[in-house]
């Protein structure tokens, strides 16, 4: 199973789904799953989880070297 990620540029706005949005770091491949909601005060709240499975899949393409 392969996932593709949208390559963002600095300052770009992106409309995201309220649940299940995934973000991958371009430097290390770490993937987080984010959920969004608007609270009773009208402020945006973000809930973040590390997605170990997606991270492992994304990092297969990286050539990390041991320190």
N, C-alpha and C. Protein backbone atom coordinates (compact mmCIF):
# COMPACT_ATOMS: atom_id res chain seq x y z
N UNK A 1 0.85 -1.18 0.00
CA UNK A 1 0.00 0.00 0.00
C UNK A 1 0.89 1.23 0.00
N UNK A 2 0.63 2.13 -0.90
CA UNK A 2 1.46 3.31 -1.04
C UNK A 2 0.62 4.57 -0.86
N UNK A 3 1.16 5.53 -0.14
CA UNK A 3 0.48 6.81 0.03
C UNK A 3 1.28 7.88 -0.66
N UNK A 4 0.59 8.88 -1.18
CA UNK A 4 1.30 10.02 -1.74
C UNK A 4 0.91 11.24 -0.92
N UNK A 5 1.83 12.17 -0.83
CA UNK A 5 1.64 13.37 -0.02
C UNK A 5 1.79 14.59 -0.91
N UNK A 6 0.97 15.60 -0.67
CA UNK A 6 1.03 16.85 -1.41
C UNK A 6 2.28 17.62 -0.99
N UNK A 7 3.11 18.03 -1.92
CA UNK A 7 4.32 18.80 -1.62
C UNK A 7 3.93 20.26 -1.45
N UNK A 8 4.03 20.76 -0.23
CA UNK A 8 3.68 22.14 0.08
C UNK A 8 4.87 23.06 -0.19
N UNK A 9 4.58 24.32 -0.42
CA UNK A 9 5.62 25.34 -0.50
C UNK A 9 5.38 26.31 0.65
N UNK A 10 6.42 26.98 1.08
CA UNK A 10 6.29 27.93 2.20
C UNK A 10 5.19 28.94 1.92
N UNK A 11 4.32 29.13 2.90
CA UNK A 11 3.25 30.12 2.80
C UNK A 11 1.99 29.64 2.11
N UNK A 12 1.98 28.42 1.60
CA UNK A 12 0.82 27.90 0.89
C UNK A 12 -0.30 27.56 1.87
N UNK A 13 -1.54 27.88 1.50
CA UNK A 13 -2.71 27.50 2.29
C UNK A 13 -3.28 26.21 1.71
N UNK A 14 -3.77 25.35 2.58
CA UNK A 14 -4.32 24.07 2.15
C UNK A 14 -5.60 23.81 2.93
N UNK A 15 -6.68 23.51 2.23
CA UNK A 15 -7.92 23.11 2.89
C UNK A 15 -7.76 21.65 3.28
N UNK A 16 -7.96 21.36 4.56
CA UNK A 16 -7.74 20.00 5.06
C UNK A 16 -9.05 19.41 5.59
N UNK A 17 -9.14 18.08 5.58
CA UNK A 17 -10.32 17.46 6.17
C UNK A 17 -10.29 17.62 7.68
N UNK A 18 -11.44 17.51 8.33
CA UNK A 18 -11.50 17.68 9.79
C UNK A 18 -10.85 16.51 10.52
N UNK A 19 -10.85 15.32 9.94
CA UNK A 19 -10.26 14.16 10.60
C UNK A 19 -9.37 13.39 9.63
N UNK A 20 -8.32 12.80 10.18
CA UNK A 20 -7.48 11.90 9.40
C UNK A 20 -6.47 12.56 8.48
N UNK A 21 -6.25 13.86 8.58
CA UNK A 21 -5.25 14.53 7.76
C UNK A 21 -3.87 14.02 8.17
N UNK A 22 -3.03 13.67 7.19
CA UNK A 22 -1.69 13.19 7.48
C UNK A 22 -0.66 14.18 6.98
N UNK A 23 0.37 14.38 7.80
CA UNK A 23 1.45 15.29 7.47
C UNK A 23 2.76 14.51 7.57
N UNK A 24 3.62 14.64 6.56
CA UNK A 24 4.92 13.97 6.55
C UNK A 24 6.03 15.00 6.51
N UNK A 25 7.03 14.83 7.38
CA UNK A 25 8.21 15.69 7.36
C UNK A 25 9.07 15.33 6.16
N UNK A 26 9.48 16.32 5.39
CA UNK A 26 10.27 16.03 4.20
C UNK A 26 11.72 15.68 4.54
N UNK A 27 12.19 16.01 5.74
CA UNK A 27 13.56 15.71 6.13
C UNK A 27 13.74 14.30 6.69
N UNK A 28 12.79 13.83 7.50
CA UNK A 28 12.97 12.54 8.17
C UNK A 28 11.87 11.53 7.86
N UNK A 29 10.79 11.95 7.21
CA UNK A 29 9.72 11.03 6.84
C UNK A 29 8.71 10.74 7.94
N UNK A 30 8.84 11.36 9.11
CA UNK A 30 7.90 11.13 10.20
C UNK A 30 6.50 11.62 9.80
N UNK A 31 5.50 10.77 9.99
CA UNK A 31 4.13 11.10 9.60
C UNK A 31 3.27 11.25 10.85
N UNK A 32 2.48 12.32 10.89
CA UNK A 32 1.51 12.55 11.96
C UNK A 32 0.12 12.56 11.36
N UNK A 33 -0.85 12.06 12.11
CA UNK A 33 -2.25 12.13 11.74
C UNK A 33 -2.87 13.23 12.59
N UNK A 34 -3.54 14.17 11.95
CA UNK A 34 -4.10 15.33 12.64
C UNK A 34 -5.62 15.37 12.48
N UNK A 35 -6.31 15.70 13.57
CA UNK A 35 -7.74 15.96 13.55
C UNK A 35 -7.96 17.41 13.97
N UNK A 36 -8.96 18.05 13.39
CA UNK A 36 -9.25 19.45 13.66
C UNK A 36 -10.69 19.60 14.11
N UNK A 37 -10.93 20.57 14.99
CA UNK A 37 -12.30 20.92 15.35
C UNK A 37 -12.32 22.37 15.81
N UNK A 38 -13.52 22.93 15.80
CA UNK A 38 -13.71 24.29 16.30
C UNK A 38 -14.42 24.16 17.65
N UNK A 39 -13.82 24.74 18.70
CA UNK A 39 -14.39 24.62 20.04
C UNK A 39 -15.53 25.61 20.25
N UNK A 40 -16.11 25.60 21.43
CA UNK A 40 -17.27 26.46 21.73
C UNK A 40 -16.95 27.94 21.67
N UNK A 41 -15.67 28.30 21.81
CA UNK A 41 -15.25 29.70 21.73
C UNK A 41 -14.90 30.10 20.29
N UNK A 42 -15.09 29.16 19.33
CA UNK A 42 -14.82 29.46 17.92
C UNK A 42 -13.35 29.34 17.55
N UNK A 43 -12.54 28.74 18.42
CA UNK A 43 -11.10 28.58 18.15
C UNK A 43 -10.84 27.19 17.59
N UNK A 44 -9.85 27.10 16.72
CA UNK A 44 -9.48 25.83 16.12
C UNK A 44 -8.63 25.03 17.10
N UNK A 45 -8.98 23.76 17.28
CA UNK A 45 -8.19 22.84 18.09
C UNK A 45 -7.63 21.76 17.18
N UNK A 46 -6.41 21.31 17.48
CA UNK A 46 -5.75 20.27 16.70
C UNK A 46 -5.40 19.12 17.64
N UNK A 47 -5.68 17.90 17.20
CA UNK A 47 -5.32 16.69 17.92
C UNK A 47 -4.34 15.93 17.04
N UNK A 48 -3.17 15.55 17.59
CA UNK A 48 -2.09 14.97 16.78
C UNK A 48 -1.70 13.60 17.32
N UNK A 49 -1.51 12.65 16.40
CA UNK A 49 -1.01 11.32 16.73
C UNK A 49 0.12 10.98 15.77
N UNK A 50 1.17 10.34 16.26
CA UNK A 50 2.22 9.83 15.38
C UNK A 50 1.67 8.58 14.70
N UNK A 51 1.83 8.48 13.39
CA UNK A 51 1.35 7.33 12.62
C UNK A 51 2.56 6.45 12.30
N UNK A 52 2.80 5.46 13.15
CA UNK A 52 3.98 4.60 13.02
C UNK A 52 3.99 3.83 11.71
N UNK A 53 2.84 3.32 11.31
CA UNK A 53 2.77 2.51 10.09
C UNK A 53 3.07 3.35 8.85
N UNK A 54 2.46 4.53 8.76
CA UNK A 54 2.71 5.41 7.62
C UNK A 54 4.15 5.90 7.61
N UNK A 55 4.72 6.16 8.81
CA UNK A 55 6.12 6.58 8.90
C UNK A 55 7.04 5.49 8.38
N UNK A 56 6.79 4.24 8.81
CA UNK A 56 7.63 3.12 8.34
C UNK A 56 7.56 2.99 6.83
N UNK A 57 6.36 3.13 6.27
CA UNK A 57 6.21 3.05 4.82
C UNK A 57 6.92 4.18 4.09
N UNK A 58 6.82 5.39 4.64
CA UNK A 58 7.45 6.55 3.99
C UNK A 58 8.97 6.46 4.07
N UNK A 59 9.48 5.92 5.17
CA UNK A 59 10.93 5.88 5.37
C UNK A 59 11.62 4.80 4.56
N UNK A 60 10.86 3.90 3.94
CA UNK A 60 11.48 2.87 3.10
C UNK A 60 12.29 3.50 1.96
N UNK A 61 11.86 4.66 1.49
CA UNK A 61 12.54 5.33 0.38
C UNK A 61 13.75 6.14 0.84
N UNK A 62 13.92 6.35 2.15
CA UNK A 62 15.03 7.12 2.67
C UNK A 62 16.26 6.22 2.81
N UNK A 63 17.43 6.78 2.64
CA UNK A 63 18.68 6.04 2.84
C UNK A 63 19.40 6.61 4.04
N UNK A 64 18.89 6.26 5.25
CA UNK A 64 19.50 6.75 6.48
C UNK A 64 20.82 6.03 6.73
N UNK A 65 21.81 6.75 7.25
CA UNK A 65 23.08 6.13 7.62
C UNK A 65 23.20 6.15 9.13
N UNK A 66 23.87 5.13 9.68
CA UNK A 66 24.06 5.08 11.12
C UNK A 66 25.09 6.12 11.53
N UNK A 67 24.89 6.70 12.71
CA UNK A 67 25.82 7.72 13.23
C UNK A 67 27.14 7.09 13.60
